[in-house]
Structures are given as C-alpha cells and as structure tokens.
Amino acid sequence: MPRVTLYSLSTCAVCKKVKTFLDGNEIPYDLIEVDRLDSGEQWIMTKELKKHNPQCTYPTVVVEEVIKGYDEEALKTKLLHAAS
C-alpha cells in the first residue's frame, strides 16, 4: 500500500469528504490538519504542502503523486486498486 498523506483543514467540508472516503475504504493515512497546528508548525507544513501543490489548496492528498480536492476517480484508482 502506498503511503498516503492528507493535508486538511479541520473545518473544511471537502476535506471531511476525503477523510470519510479514506476511512470508509480502510485506507491508512497520515492526517495533517494545518489549522490545528501552532503558527510555526503551520508555516513548516504549508511550505511542505507547496512542494506538492503550489496553489496550497485543501484538501490535498499525496499518494506517490498529488491529488487535489475531492477527485473520487483518482482516489479510487490510486488507493483502491493499489490495495487489491
């Protein structure tokens, strides 16, 4: 299974959809809720996120490549087929 990282905001409805998708499909992931970090950690995580997504939009799912927003087809292709 590829390593999955979700850059998210705790109040973002689309971020919650991605989390529900990952949880519902039993896909392990590292969750980074940037708005819950202190300002120094936010700066570091934003800098890290920009390496994958220069627009710095949420949610951003990194699975050996970047998936921006809630792209269900890309999530299924990259995550569900990798698990089978």
N, C-alpha and C. Protein backbone atom coordinates (compact mmCIF):
# COMPACT_ATOMS: atom_id res chain seq x y z
N MET A 1 0.85 -1.18 0.00
CA MET A 1 0.00 0.00 0.00
C MET A 1 0.89 1.24 0.00
N PRO A 2 0.62 2.17 -0.90
CA PRO A 2 1.43 3.40 -0.92
C PRO A 2 1.17 4.25 0.32
N ARG A 3 2.15 5.05 0.67
CA ARG A 3 1.98 5.97 1.80
C ARG A 3 1.08 7.12 1.36
N VAL A 4 0.11 7.42 2.22
CA VAL A 4 -0.88 8.46 1.91
C VAL A 4 -0.78 9.54 2.98
N THR A 5 -0.73 10.79 2.53
CA THR A 5 -0.75 11.93 3.44
C THR A 5 -1.88 12.85 3.00
N LEU A 6 -2.71 13.26 3.97
CA LEU A 6 -3.81 14.17 3.70
C LEU A 6 -3.53 15.49 4.41
N TYR A 7 -3.35 16.55 3.61
CA TYR A 7 -3.24 17.91 4.14
C TYR A 7 -4.65 18.46 4.16
N SER A 8 -5.11 18.89 5.33
CA SER A 8 -6.51 19.20 5.52
C SER A 8 -6.68 20.41 6.43
N LEU A 9 -7.91 20.93 6.45
CA LEU A 9 -8.33 21.91 7.44
C LEU A 9 -9.48 21.29 8.21
N SER A 10 -9.50 21.47 9.52
CA SER A 10 -10.50 20.80 10.36
C SER A 10 -11.93 21.24 10.07
N THR A 11 -12.12 22.42 9.50
CA THR A 11 -13.46 22.95 9.23
C THR A 11 -13.89 22.82 7.77
N CYS A 12 -13.07 22.21 6.96
CA CYS A 12 -13.32 22.11 5.52
C CYS A 12 -14.23 20.93 5.20
N ALA A 13 -15.39 21.21 4.58
CA ALA A 13 -16.35 20.15 4.25
C ALA A 13 -15.78 19.18 3.21
N VAL A 14 -15.05 19.68 2.23
CA VAL A 14 -14.47 18.80 1.22
C VAL A 14 -13.39 17.92 1.84
N CYS A 15 -12.63 18.48 2.78
CA CYS A 15 -11.62 17.69 3.49
C CYS A 15 -12.28 16.53 4.24
N LYS A 16 -13.43 16.81 4.83
CA LYS A 16 -14.17 15.77 5.56
C LYS A 16 -14.64 14.67 4.62
N LYS A 17 -15.02 15.03 3.39
CA LYS A 17 -15.41 14.02 2.40
C LYS A 17 -14.24 13.11 2.07
N VAL A 18 -13.06 13.67 1.93
CA VAL A 18 -11.88 12.86 1.63
C VAL A 18 -11.58 11.93 2.80
N LYS A 19 -11.65 12.45 4.04
CA LYS A 19 -11.42 11.62 5.22
C LYS A 19 -12.43 10.48 5.29
N THR A 20 -13.69 10.78 5.01
CA THR A 20 -14.73 9.75 5.01
C THR A 20 -14.43 8.68 3.96
N PHE A 21 -13.99 9.12 2.79
CA PHE A 21 -13.62 8.18 1.73
C PHE A 21 -12.48 7.27 2.18
N LEU A 22 -11.44 7.86 2.72
CA LEU A 22 -10.28 7.07 3.16
C LEU A 22 -10.67 6.11 4.28
N ASP A 23 -11.38 6.61 5.28
CA ASP A 23 -11.80 5.76 6.39
C ASP A 23 -12.74 4.66 5.93
N GLY A 24 -13.69 5.00 5.08
CA GLY A 24 -14.67 4.03 4.60
C GLY A 24 -14.06 2.92 3.78
N ASN A 25 -12.93 3.21 3.16
CA ASN A 25 -12.24 2.20 2.36
C ASN A 25 -11.03 1.61 3.10
N GLU A 26 -10.97 1.90 4.39
CA GLU A 26 -9.92 1.37 5.27
C GLU A 26 -8.52 1.60 4.73
N ILE A 27 -8.30 2.82 4.26
CA ILE A 27 -7.00 3.21 3.72
C ILE A 27 -6.26 4.00 4.80
N PRO A 28 -5.14 3.47 5.26
CA PRO A 28 -4.38 4.21 6.28
C PRO A 28 -3.76 5.47 5.69
N TYR A 29 -3.74 6.54 6.49
CA TYR A 29 -3.19 7.80 6.01
C TYR A 29 -2.68 8.62 7.18
N ASP A 30 -1.76 9.49 6.87
CA ASP A 30 -1.27 10.48 7.83
C ASP A 30 -2.10 11.73 7.63
N LEU A 31 -2.74 12.20 8.69
CA LEU A 31 -3.59 13.39 8.62
C LEU A 31 -2.85 14.58 9.20
N ILE A 32 -2.77 15.64 8.41
CA ILE A 32 -2.18 16.89 8.88
C ILE A 32 -3.26 17.97 8.76
N GLU A 33 -3.87 18.33 9.89
CA GLU A 33 -4.85 19.40 9.91
C GLU A 33 -4.11 20.69 10.22
N VAL A 34 -3.78 21.40 9.19
CA VAL A 34 -2.88 22.55 9.28
C VAL A 34 -3.41 23.62 10.22
N ASP A 35 -4.72 23.85 10.23
CA ASP A 35 -5.27 24.90 11.08
C ASP A 35 -5.20 24.57 12.57
N ARG A 36 -4.93 23.33 12.91
CA ARG A 36 -4.82 22.94 14.32
C ARG A 36 -3.38 22.98 14.83
N LEU A 37 -2.45 23.31 13.97
CA LEU A 37 -1.04 23.39 14.35
C LEU A 37 -0.73 24.79 14.87
N ASP A 38 0.32 24.89 15.68
CA ASP A 38 0.73 26.25 16.09
C ASP A 38 1.36 26.96 14.90
N SER A 39 1.54 28.26 15.01
CA SER A 39 1.95 29.06 13.86
C SER A 39 3.26 28.60 13.23
N GLY A 40 4.22 28.19 14.02
CA GLY A 40 5.49 27.71 13.48
C GLY A 40 5.32 26.42 12.70
N GLU A 41 4.52 25.50 13.24
CA GLU A 41 4.27 24.24 12.53
C GLU A 41 3.43 24.48 11.28
N GLN A 42 2.49 25.43 11.35
CA GLN A 42 1.69 25.77 10.17
C GLN A 42 2.60 26.25 9.04
N TRP A 43 3.56 27.08 9.37
CA TRP A 43 4.48 27.60 8.36
C TRP A 43 5.26 26.45 7.71
N ILE A 44 5.74 25.53 8.52
CA ILE A 44 6.51 24.38 8.01
C ILE A 44 5.64 23.50 7.13
N MET A 45 4.42 23.18 7.59
CA MET A 45 3.54 22.30 6.83
C MET A 45 3.06 22.97 5.54
N THR A 46 2.84 24.27 5.58
CA THR A 46 2.45 24.99 4.37
C THR A 46 3.57 24.96 3.34
N LYS A 47 4.78 25.10 3.82
CA LYS A 47 5.95 25.02 2.93
C LYS A 47 6.06 23.63 2.31
N GLU A 48 5.82 22.60 3.13
CA GLU A 48 5.85 21.21 2.65
C GLU A 48 4.72 20.98 1.64
N LEU A 49 3.53 21.47 1.94
CA LEU A 49 2.39 21.31 1.04
C LEU A 49 2.67 21.96 -0.31
N LYS A 50 3.29 23.13 -0.30
CA LYS A 50 3.58 23.84 -1.55
C LYS A 50 4.51 23.05 -2.46
N LYS A 51 5.30 22.14 -1.91
CA LYS A 51 6.15 21.27 -2.75
C LYS A 51 5.28 20.37 -3.62
N HIS A 52 4.13 19.97 -3.10
CA HIS A 52 3.24 19.06 -3.81
C HIS A 52 2.14 19.81 -4.55
N ASN A 53 1.70 20.93 -4.00
CA ASN A 53 0.57 21.69 -4.54
C ASN A 53 0.88 23.18 -4.39
N PRO A 54 1.50 23.77 -5.40
CA PRO A 54 1.90 25.17 -5.30
C PRO A 54 0.75 26.14 -4.99
N GLN A 55 -0.50 25.77 -5.33
CA GLN A 55 -1.64 26.63 -5.02
C GLN A 55 -2.01 26.55 -3.54
N CYS A 56 -1.51 25.53 -2.85
CA CYS A 56 -1.71 25.36 -1.41
C CYS A 56 -3.21 25.31 -1.07
N THR A 57 -3.94 24.47 -1.80
CA THR A 57 -5.38 24.33 -1.57
C THR A 57 -5.65 23.07 -0.76
N TYR A 58 -6.80 23.08 -0.10
CA TYR A 58 -7.20 21.97 0.75
C TYR A 58 -8.50 21.37 0.24
N PRO A 59 -8.62 20.07 0.30
CA PRO A 59 -7.64 19.09 0.75
C PRO A 59 -6.64 18.79 -0.35
N THR A 60 -5.49 18.32 0.05
CA THR A 60 -4.50 17.79 -0.87
C THR A 60 -4.10 16.42 -0.36
N VAL A 61 -4.26 15.42 -1.21
CA VAL A 61 -3.90 14.05 -0.88
C VAL A 61 -2.63 13.72 -1.66
N VAL A 62 -1.61 13.28 -0.95
CA VAL A 62 -0.35 12.90 -1.60
C VAL A 62 -0.24 11.38 -1.53
N VAL A 63 -0.26 10.75 -2.71
CA VAL A 63 -0.14 9.30 -2.83
C VAL A 63 0.87 9.05 -3.94
N GLU A 64 2.10 9.07 -3.62
CA GLU A 64 3.14 8.93 -4.63
C GLU A 64 2.98 9.94 -5.76
N GLU A 65 1.87 10.66 -5.74
CA GLU A 65 1.64 11.82 -6.58
C GLU A 65 0.53 12.63 -5.90
N VAL A 66 0.25 13.79 -6.40
CA VAL A 66 -0.70 14.69 -5.72
C VAL A 66 -2.09 14.53 -6.32
N ILE A 67 -3.09 14.48 -5.43
CA ILE A 67 -4.49 14.54 -5.83
C ILE A 67 -5.05 15.77 -5.13
N LYS A 68 -5.55 16.70 -5.91
CA LYS A 68 -6.08 17.95 -5.34
C LYS A 68 -7.60 17.85 -5.22
N GLY A 69 -8.12 18.32 -4.11
CA GLY A 69 -9.56 18.33 -3.91
C GLY A 69 -10.14 16.94 -3.76
N TYR A 70 -11.43 16.81 -3.97
CA TYR A 70 -12.12 15.52 -3.86
C TYR A 70 -12.32 14.98 -5.26
N ASP A 71 -11.32 14.27 -5.76
CA ASP A 71 -11.38 13.64 -7.07
C ASP A 71 -11.59 12.15 -6.83
N GLU A 72 -12.85 11.74 -6.76
CA GLU A 72 -13.17 10.36 -6.37
C GLU A 72 -12.56 9.35 -7.32
N GLU A 73 -12.57 9.61 -8.61
CA GLU A 73 -11.98 8.66 -9.56
C GLU A 73 -10.49 8.49 -9.32
N ALA A 74 -9.78 9.58 -9.11
CA ALA A 74 -8.34 9.49 -8.84
C ALA A 74 -8.09 8.77 -7.53
N LEU A 75 -8.90 9.06 -6.51
CA LEU A 75 -8.73 8.38 -5.22
C LEU A 75 -8.96 6.88 -5.37
N LYS A 76 -10.00 6.50 -6.10
CA LYS A 76 -10.28 5.07 -6.31
C LYS A 76 -9.14 4.41 -7.07
N THR A 77 -8.69 5.07 -8.13
CA THR A 77 -7.63 4.49 -8.96
C THR A 77 -6.34 4.30 -8.18
N LYS A 78 -5.93 5.34 -7.47
CA LYS A 78 -4.66 5.30 -6.77
C LYS A 78 -4.69 4.48 -5.48
N LEU A 79 -5.83 4.49 -4.78
CA LEU A 79 -5.89 3.87 -3.47
C LEU A 79 -6.56 2.50 -3.45
N LEU A 80 -7.69 2.38 -4.09
CA LEU A 80 -8.41 1.11 -4.04
C LEU A 80 -7.73 0.06 -4.90
N HIS A 81 -7.26 0.43 -6.06
CA HIS A 81 -6.60 -0.54 -6.92
C HIS A 81 -5.24 -0.93 -6.37
N ALA A 82 -4.60 -0.01 -5.65
CA ALA A 82 -3.30 -0.33 -5.03
C ALA A 82 -3.47 -1.32 -3.89
N ALA A 83 -4.65 -1.28 -3.23
CA ALA A 83 -4.90 -2.15 -2.09
C ALA A 83 -5.25 -3.57 -2.55
N SER A 84 -5.72 -3.72 -3.81
CA SER A 84 -6.14 -5.05 -4.26
C SER A 84 -4.99 -5.89 -4.77
